[in-house]
Amino acid sequence: MALFLSALSVACFVGAAVSLLRYDSKHFDLLVLSGVIFLSAAIPSFEVDMTLEDLKSIDHRLRDIETAIGKLRPA
């Protein structure tokens, strides 16, 4: 989802640049505003995805430690 929103924001910025250079700034402000909105919506998604990956990594490490401790205990 975050990659899609990022690609959409880049497309809006490219459209705004084309609008500025070729079409006498027709809809330039709307394209820039749309790009900023899509980009701001994508940034929290990246942070959540990164946090979930970090939590999965921590969980995996804790399971490894739990397994190692279980092997150290005398039976």
PDB file of N, CA and C in Angstrom:
ATOM      1  N   MET A   1       0.829  -1.190   0.000  1.00  0.00           N
ATOM      2  CA  MET A   1       0.000   0.000   0.000  1.00  0.00           C
ATOM      3  C   MET A   1       0.875   1.256   0.000  1.00  0.00           C
ATOM      4  N   ALA A   2       1.925   1.224   0.805  1.00  0.00           N
ATOM      5  CA  ALA A   2       2.796   2.388   0.884  1.00  0.00           C
ATOM      6  C   ALA A   2       3.514   2.627  -0.446  1.00  0.00           C
ATOM      7  N   LEU A   3       3.921   1.542  -1.098  1.00  0.00           N
ATOM      8  CA  LEU A   3       4.600   1.701  -2.390  1.00  0.00           C
ATOM      9  C   LEU A   3       3.647   2.252  -3.442  1.00  0.00           C
ATOM     10  N   PHE A   4       2.400   1.801  -3.410  1.00  0.00           N
ATOM     11  CA  PHE A   4       1.404   2.299  -4.356  1.00  0.00           C
ATOM     12  C   PHE A   4       1.166   3.799  -4.139  1.00  0.00           C
ATOM     13  N   LEU A   5       1.025   4.207  -2.881  1.00  0.00           N
ATOM     14  CA  LEU A   5       0.806   5.633  -2.594  1.00  0.00           C
ATOM     15  C   LEU A   5       2.025   6.471  -2.975  1.00  0.00           C
ATOM     16  N   SER A   6       3.206   5.922  -2.772  1.00  0.00           N
ATOM     17  CA  SER A   6       4.420   6.641  -3.165  1.00  0.00           C
ATOM     18  C   SER A   6       4.492   6.808  -4.678  1.00  0.00           C
ATOM     19  N   ALA A   7       4.176   5.737  -5.396  1.00  0.00           N
ATOM     20  CA  ALA A   7       4.179   5.819  -6.861  1.00  0.00           C
ATOM     21  C   ALA A   7       3.124   6.805  -7.352  1.00  0.00           C
ATOM     22  N   LEU A   8       1.981   6.816  -6.700  1.00  0.00           N
ATOM     23  CA  LEU A   8       0.917   7.745  -7.072  1.00  0.00           C
ATOM     24  C   LEU A   8       1.336   9.192  -6.813  1.00  0.00           C
ATOM     25  N   SER A   9       2.031   9.432  -5.712  1.00  0.00           N
ATOM     26  CA  SER A   9       2.484  10.796  -5.425  1.00  0.00           C
ATOM     27  C   SER A   9       3.546  11.239  -6.427  1.00  0.00           C
ATOM     28  N   VAL A  10       4.442  10.336  -6.808  1.00  0.00           N
ATOM     29  CA  VAL A  10       5.452  10.679  -7.824  1.00  0.00           C
ATOM     30  C   VAL A  10       4.769  10.986  -9.154  1.00  0.00           C
ATOM     31  N   ALA A  11       3.742  10.216  -9.495  1.00  0.00           N
ATOM     32  CA  ALA A  11       3.008  10.477 -10.731  1.00  0.00           C
ATOM     33  C   ALA A  11       2.334  11.846 -10.691  1.00  0.00           C
ATOM     34  N   CYS A  12       1.808  12.223  -9.525  1.00  0.00           N
ATOM     35  CA  CYS A  12       1.193  13.551  -9.400  1.00  0.00           C
ATOM     36  C   CYS A  12       2.236  14.657  -9.571  1.00  0.00           C
ATOM     37  N   PHE A  13       3.411  14.461  -8.987  1.00  0.00           N
ATOM     38  CA  PHE A  13       4.462  15.470  -9.121  1.00  0.00           C
ATOM     39  C   PHE A  13       4.970  15.577 -10.561  1.00  0.00           C
ATOM     40  N   VAL A  14       5.061  14.446 -11.239  1.00  0.00           N
ATOM     41  CA  VAL A  14       5.465  14.475 -12.651  1.00  0.00           C
ATOM     42  C   VAL A  14       4.396  15.176 -13.478  1.00  0.00           C
ATOM     43  N   GLY A  15       3.132  14.869 -13.197  1.00  0.00           N
ATOM     44  CA  GLY A  15       2.038  15.546 -13.892  1.00  0.00           C
ATOM     45  C   GLY A  15       2.043  17.040 -13.629  1.00  0.00           C
ATOM     46  N   ALA A  16       2.377  17.433 -12.409  1.00  0.00           N
ATOM     47  CA  ALA A  16       2.454  18.858 -12.087  1.00  0.00           C
ATOM     48  C   ALA A  16       3.588  19.529 -12.854  1.00  0.00           C
ATOM     49  N   ALA A  17       4.713  18.845 -12.973  1.00  0.00           N
ATOM     50  CA  ALA A  17       5.833  19.410 -13.734  1.00  0.00           C
ATOM     51  C   ALA A  17       5.472  19.561 -15.210  1.00  0.00           C
ATOM     52  N   VAL A  18       4.807  18.556 -15.753  1.00  0.00           N
ATOM     53  CA  VAL A  18       4.376  18.637 -17.156  1.00  0.00           C
ATOM     54  C   VAL A  18       3.360  19.758 -17.322  1.00  0.00           C
ATOM     55  N   SER A  19       2.461  19.868 -16.362  1.00  0.00           N
ATOM     56  CA  SER A  19       1.453  20.930 -16.407  1.00  0.00           C
ATOM     57  C   SER A  19       2.104  22.308 -16.363  1.00  0.00           C
ATOM     58  N   LEU A  20       3.112  22.443 -15.525  1.00  0.00           N
ATOM     59  CA  LEU A  20       3.804  23.730 -15.390  1.00  0.00           C
ATOM     60  C   LEU A  20       4.540  24.098 -16.674  1.00  0.00           C
ATOM     61  N   LEU A  21       5.217  23.131 -17.250  1.00  0.00           N
ATOM     62  CA  LEU A  21       6.061  23.416 -18.415  1.00  0.00           C
ATOM     63  C   LEU A  21       5.293  23.445 -19.739  1.00  0.00           C
ATOM     64  N   ARG A  22       4.254  22.640 -19.853  1.00  0.00           N
ATOM     65  CA  ARG A  22       3.633  22.502 -21.160  1.00  0.00           C
ATOM     66  C   ARG A  22       2.235  23.100 -21.268  1.00  0.00           C
ATOM     67  N   TYR A  23       1.469  23.067 -20.211  1.00  0.00           N
ATOM     68  CA  TYR A  23       0.067  23.466 -20.295  1.00  0.00           C
ATOM     69  C   TYR A  23      -0.253  24.726 -19.507  1.00  0.00           C
ATOM     70  N   ASP A  24       0.680  25.613 -19.368  1.00  0.00           N
ATOM     71  CA  ASP A  24       0.484  26.909 -18.707  1.00  0.00           C
ATOM     72  C   ASP A  24      -0.095  26.771 -17.301  1.00  0.00           C
ATOM     73  N   SER A  25       0.415  25.819 -16.544  1.00  0.00           N
ATOM     74  CA  SER A  25       0.070  25.604 -15.131  1.00  0.00           C
ATOM     75  C   SER A  25      -1.399  25.261 -14.891  1.00  0.00           C
ATOM     76  N   LYS A  26      -2.026  24.666 -15.871  1.00  0.00           N
ATOM     77  CA  LYS A  26      -3.415  24.252 -15.686  1.00  0.00           C
ATOM     78  C   LYS A  26      -3.443  23.053 -14.732  1.00  0.00           C
ATOM     79  N   HIS A  27      -4.167  23.170 -13.652  1.00  0.00           N
ATOM     80  CA  HIS A  27      -4.304  22.147 -12.606  1.00  0.00           C
ATOM     81  C   HIS A  27      -2.992  21.853 -11.875  1.00  0.00           C
ATOM     82  N   PHE A  28      -2.011  22.741 -11.977  1.00  0.00           N
ATOM     83  CA  PHE A  28      -0.734  22.544 -11.303  1.00  0.00           C
ATOM     84  C   PHE A  28      -0.915  22.443  -9.790  1.00  0.00           C
ATOM     85  N   ASP A  29      -1.681  23.371  -9.222  1.00  0.00           N
ATOM     86  CA  ASP A  29      -1.860  23.393  -7.771  1.00  0.00           C
ATOM     87  C   ASP A  29      -2.582  22.149  -7.266  1.00  0.00           C
ATOM     88  N   LEU A  30      -3.555  21.658  -8.028  1.00  0.00           N
ATOM     89  CA  LEU A  30      -4.268  20.444  -7.609  1.00  0.00           C
ATOM     90  C   LEU A  30      -3.373  19.207  -7.670  1.00  0.00           C
ATOM     91  N   LEU A  31      -2.515  19.156  -8.678  1.00  0.00           N
ATOM     92  CA  LEU A  31      -1.606  18.020  -8.792  1.00  0.00           C
ATOM     93  C   LEU A  31      -0.568  18.020  -7.679  1.00  0.00           C
ATOM     94  N   VAL A  32      -0.038  19.189  -7.343  1.00  0.00           N
ATOM     95  CA  VAL A  32       0.934  19.275  -6.251  1.00  0.00           C
ATOM     96  C   VAL A  32       0.263  18.916  -4.928  1.00  0.00           C
ATOM     97  N   LEU A  33      -0.928  19.433  -4.697  1.00  0.00           N
ATOM     98  CA  LEU A  33      -1.652  19.127  -3.470  1.00  0.00           C
ATOM     99  C   LEU A  33      -1.959  17.628  -3.369  1.00  0.00           C
ATOM    100  N   SER A  34      -2.371  17.030  -4.464  1.00  0.00           N
ATOM    101  CA  SER A  34      -2.638  15.587  -4.461  1.00  0.00           C
ATOM    102  C   SER A  34      -1.369  14.796  -4.179  1.00  0.00           C
ATOM    103  N   GLY A  35      -0.263  15.202  -4.778  1.00  0.00           N
ATOM    104  CA  GLY A  35       1.008  14.522  -4.525  1.00  0.00           C
ATOM    105  C   GLY A  35       1.426  14.608  -3.078  1.00  0.00           C
ATOM    106  N   VAL A  36       1.259  15.768  -2.475  1.00  0.00           N
ATOM    107  CA  VAL A  36       1.615  15.938  -1.062  1.00  0.00           C
ATOM    108  C   VAL A  36       0.711  15.082  -0.177  1.00  0.00           C
ATOM    109  N   ILE A  37      -0.563  15.035  -0.490  1.00  0.00           N
ATOM    110  CA  ILE A  37      -1.497  14.227   0.310  1.00  0.00           C
ATOM    111  C   ILE A  37      -1.145  12.747   0.203  1.00  0.00           C
ATOM    112  N   PHE A  38      -0.889  12.267  -1.001  1.00  0.00           N
ATOM    113  CA  PHE A  38      -0.534  10.852  -1.168  1.00  0.00           C
ATOM    114  C   PHE A  38       0.784  10.525  -0.481  1.00  0.00           C
ATOM    115  N   LEU A  39       1.741  11.439  -0.569  1.00  0.00           N
ATOM    116  CA  LEU A  39       3.030  11.208   0.080  1.00  0.00           C
ATOM    117  C   LEU A  39       2.894  11.192   1.595  1.00  0.00           C
ATOM    118  N   SER A  40       2.097  12.096   2.133  1.00  0.00           N
ATOM    119  CA  SER A  40       1.907  12.116   3.584  1.00  0.00           C
ATOM    120  C   SER A  40       1.136  10.889   4.061  1.00  0.00           C
ATOM    121  N   ALA A  41       0.287  10.333   3.222  1.00  0.00           N
ATOM    122  CA  ALA A  41      -0.423   9.112   3.583  1.00  0.00           C
ATOM    123  C   ALA A  41       0.495   7.892   3.504  1.00  0.00           C
ATOM    124  N   ALA A  42       1.505   7.945   2.662  1.00  0.00           N
ATOM    125  CA  ALA A  42       2.409   6.808   2.497  1.00  0.00           C
ATOM    126  C   ALA A  42       3.446   6.732   3.611  1.00  0.00           C
ATOM    127  N   ILE A  43       3.870   7.846   4.159  1.00  0.00           N
ATOM    128  CA  ILE A  43       4.949   7.845   5.147  1.00  0.00           C
ATOM    129  C   ILE A  43       4.581   7.070   6.410  1.00  0.00           C
ATOM    130  N   PRO A  44       3.412   7.277   7.014  1.00  0.00           N
ATOM    131  CA  PRO A  44       3.090   6.448   8.192  1.00  0.00           C
ATOM    132  C   PRO A  44       3.003   4.965   7.864  1.00  0.00           C
ATOM    133  N   SER A  45       2.603   4.608   6.654  1.00  0.00           N
ATOM    134  CA  SER A  45       2.537   3.206   6.270  1.00  0.00           C
ATOM    135  C   SER A  45       3.920   2.578   6.256  1.00  0.00           C
ATOM    136  N   PHE A  46       4.930   3.328   5.785  1.00  0.00           N
ATOM    137  CA  PHE A  46       6.293   2.821   5.811  1.00  0.00           C
ATOM    138  C   PHE A  46       6.750   2.601   7.245  1.00  0.00           C
ATOM    139  N   GLU A  47       6.414   3.542   8.142  1.00  0.00           N
ATOM    140  CA  GLU A  47       6.829   3.411   9.530  1.00  0.00           C
ATOM    141  C   GLU A  47       6.173   2.208  10.182  1.00  0.00           C
ATOM    142  N   VAL A  48       4.909   1.965   9.905  1.00  0.00           N
ATOM    143  CA  VAL A  48       4.216   0.811  10.477  1.00  0.00           C
ATOM    144  C   VAL A  48       4.813  -0.477   9.935  1.00  0.00           C
ATOM    145  N   ASP A  49       5.098  -0.527   8.633  1.00  0.00           N
ATOM    146  CA  ASP A  49       5.696  -1.720   8.052  1.00  0.00           C
ATOM    147  C   ASP A  49       7.058  -2.001   8.672  1.00  0.00           C
ATOM    148  N   MET A  50       7.850  -0.959   8.877  1.00  0.00           N
ATOM    149  CA  MET A  50       9.166  -1.129   9.487  1.00  0.00           C
ATOM    150  C   MET A  50       9.018  -1.616  10.927  1.00  0.00           C
ATOM    151  N   THR A  51       8.062  -1.090  11.654  1.00  0.00           N
ATOM    152  CA  THR A  51       7.856  -1.484  13.037  1.00  0.00           C
ATOM    153  C   THR A  51       7.425  -2.943  13.117  1.00  0.00           C
ATOM    154  N   LEU A  52       6.556  -3.371  12.233  1.00  0.00           N
ATOM    155  CA  LEU A  52       6.128  -4.768  12.228  1.00  0.00           C
ATOM    156  C   LEU A  52       7.291  -5.700  11.931  1.00  0.00           C
ATOM    157  N   GLU A  53       8.154  -5.316  11.007  1.00  0.00           N
ATOM    158  CA  GLU A  53       9.333  -6.128  10.699  1.00  0.00           C
ATOM    159  C   GLU A  53      10.269  -6.197  11.903  1.00  0.00           C
ATOM    160  N   ASP A  54      10.438  -5.078  12.609  1.00  0.00           N
ATOM    161  CA  ASP A  54      11.272  -5.066  13.806  1.00  0.00           C
ATOM    162  C   ASP A  54      10.692  -5.974  14.884  1.00  0.00           C
ATOM    163  N   LEU A  55       9.377  -5.923  15.071  1.00  0.00           N
ATOM    164  CA  LEU A  55       8.735  -6.770  16.068  1.00  0.00           C
ATOM    165  C   LEU A  55       8.854  -8.251  15.710  1.00  0.00           C
ATOM    166  N   LYS A  56       8.739  -8.573  14.441  1.00  0.00           N
ATOM    167  CA  LYS A  56       8.906  -9.965  14.021  1.00  0.00           C
ATOM    168  C   LYS A  56      10.325 -10.438  14.274  1.00  0.00           C
ATOM    169  N   SER A  57      11.291  -9.560  14.013  1.00  0.00           N
ATOM    170  CA  SER A  57      12.691  -9.900  14.253  1.00  0.00           C
ATOM    171  C   SER A  57      12.949 -10.125  15.739  1.00  0.00           C
ATOM    172  N   ILE A  58      12.412  -9.266  16.583  1.00  0.00           N
ATOM    173  CA  ILE A  58      12.578  -9.419  18.032  1.00  0.00           C
ATOM    174  C   ILE A  58      11.924 -10.712  18.502  1.00  0.00           C
ATOM    175  N   ASP A  59      10.722 -11.004  17.997  1.00  0.00           N
ATOM    176  CA  ASP A  59      10.025 -12.226  18.369  1.00  0.00           C
ATOM    177  C   ASP A  59      10.849 -13.451  17.987  1.00  0.00           C
ATOM    178  N   HIS A  60      11.432 -13.432  16.796  1.00  0.00           N
ATOM    179  CA  HIS A  60      12.255 -14.553  16.335  1.00  0.00           C
ATOM    180  C   HIS A  60      13.466 -14.737  17.243  1.00  0.00           C
ATOM    181  N   ARG A  61      14.114 -13.643  17.631  1.00  0.00           N
ATOM    182  CA  ARG A  61      15.283 -13.722  18.523  1.00  0.00           C
ATOM    183  C   ARG A  61      14.885 -14.254  19.897  1.00  0.00           C
ATOM    184  N   LEU A  62      13.746 -13.812  20.424  1.00  0.00           N
ATOM    185  CA  LEU A  62      13.295 -14.298  21.726  1.00  0.00           C
ATOM    186  C   LEU A  62      12.984 -15.788  21.693  1.00  0.00           C
ATOM    187  N   ARG A  63      12.434 -16.261  20.599  1.00  0.00           N
ATOM    188  CA  ARG A  63      12.173 -17.701  20.473  1.00  0.00           C
ATOM    189  C   ARG A  63      13.478 -18.490  20.424  1.00  0.00           C
ATOM    190  N   ASP A  64      14.486 -17.949  19.747  1.00  0.00           N
ATOM    191  CA  ASP A  64      15.796 -18.603  19.724  1.00  0.00           C
ATOM    192  C   ASP A  64      16.399 -18.662  21.118  1.00  0.00           C
ATOM    193  N   ILE A  65      16.280 -17.578  21.865  1.00  0.00           N
ATOM    194  CA  ILE A  65      16.807 -17.547  23.233  1.00  0.00           C
ATOM    195  C   ILE A  65      16.051 -18.534  24.114  1.00  0.00           C
ATOM    196  N   GLU A  66      14.730 -18.595  23.963  1.00  0.00           N
ATOM    197  CA  GLU A  66      13.920 -19.528  24.742  1.00  0.00           C
ATOM    198  C   GLU A  66      14.321 -20.968  24.452  1.00  0.00           C
ATOM    199  N   THR A  67      14.577 -21.266  23.200  1.00  0.00           N
ATOM    200  CA  THR A  67      15.010 -22.611  22.817  1.00  0.00           C
ATOM    201  C   THR A  67      16.372 -22.921  23.421  1.00  0.00           C
ATOM    202  N   ALA A  68      17.291 -21.961  23.359  1.00  0.00           N
ATOM    203  CA  ALA A  68      18.623 -22.157  23.924  1.00  0.00           C
ATOM    204  C   ALA A  68      18.566 -22.365  25.437  1.00  0.00           C
ATOM    205  N   ILE A  69      17.731 -21.620  26.126  1.00  0.00           N
ATOM    206  CA  ILE A  69      17.586 -21.771  27.581  1.00  0.00           C
ATOM    207  C   ILE A  69      16.984 -23.145  27.891  1.00  0.00           C
ATOM    208  N   GLY A  70      16.039 -23.581  27.110  1.00  0.00           N
ATOM    209  CA  GLY A  70      15.428 -24.898  27.305  1.00  0.00           C
ATOM    210  C   GLY A  70      16.443 -26.016  27.155  1.00  0.00           C
ATOM    211  N   LYS A  71      17.415 -25.851  26.277  1.00  0.00           N
ATOM    212  CA  LYS A  71      18.455 -26.864  26.075  1.00  0.00           C
ATOM    213  C   LYS A  71      19.461 -26.864  27.232  1.00  0.00           C
ATOM    214  N   LEU A  72      19.661 -25.719  27.881  1.00  0.00           N
ATOM    215  CA  LEU A  72      20.606 -25.621  28.983  1.00  0.00           C
ATOM    216  C   LEU A  72      20.097 -26.202  30.285  1.00  0.00           C
ATOM    217  N   ARG A  73      18.802 -26.232  30.482  1.00  0.00           N
ATOM    218  CA  ARG A  73      18.220 -26.738  31.721  1.00  0.00           C
ATOM    219  C   ARG A  73      18.461 -28.258  31.819  1.00  0.00           C
ATOM    220  N   PRO A  74      18.829 -28.684  33.009  1.00  0.00           N
ATOM    221  CA  PRO A  74      18.993 -30.145  33.171  1.00  0.00           C
ATOM    222  C   PRO A  74      17.629 -30.853  33.150  1.00  0.00           C
ATOM    223  N   ALA A  75      17.600 -31.971  32.512  1.00  0.00           N
ATOM    224  CA  ALA A  75      16.334 -32.700  32.376  1.00  0.00           C
ATOM    225  C   ALA A  75      15.979 -33.521  33.580  1.00  0.00           C
TER     226      ALA A  75
END
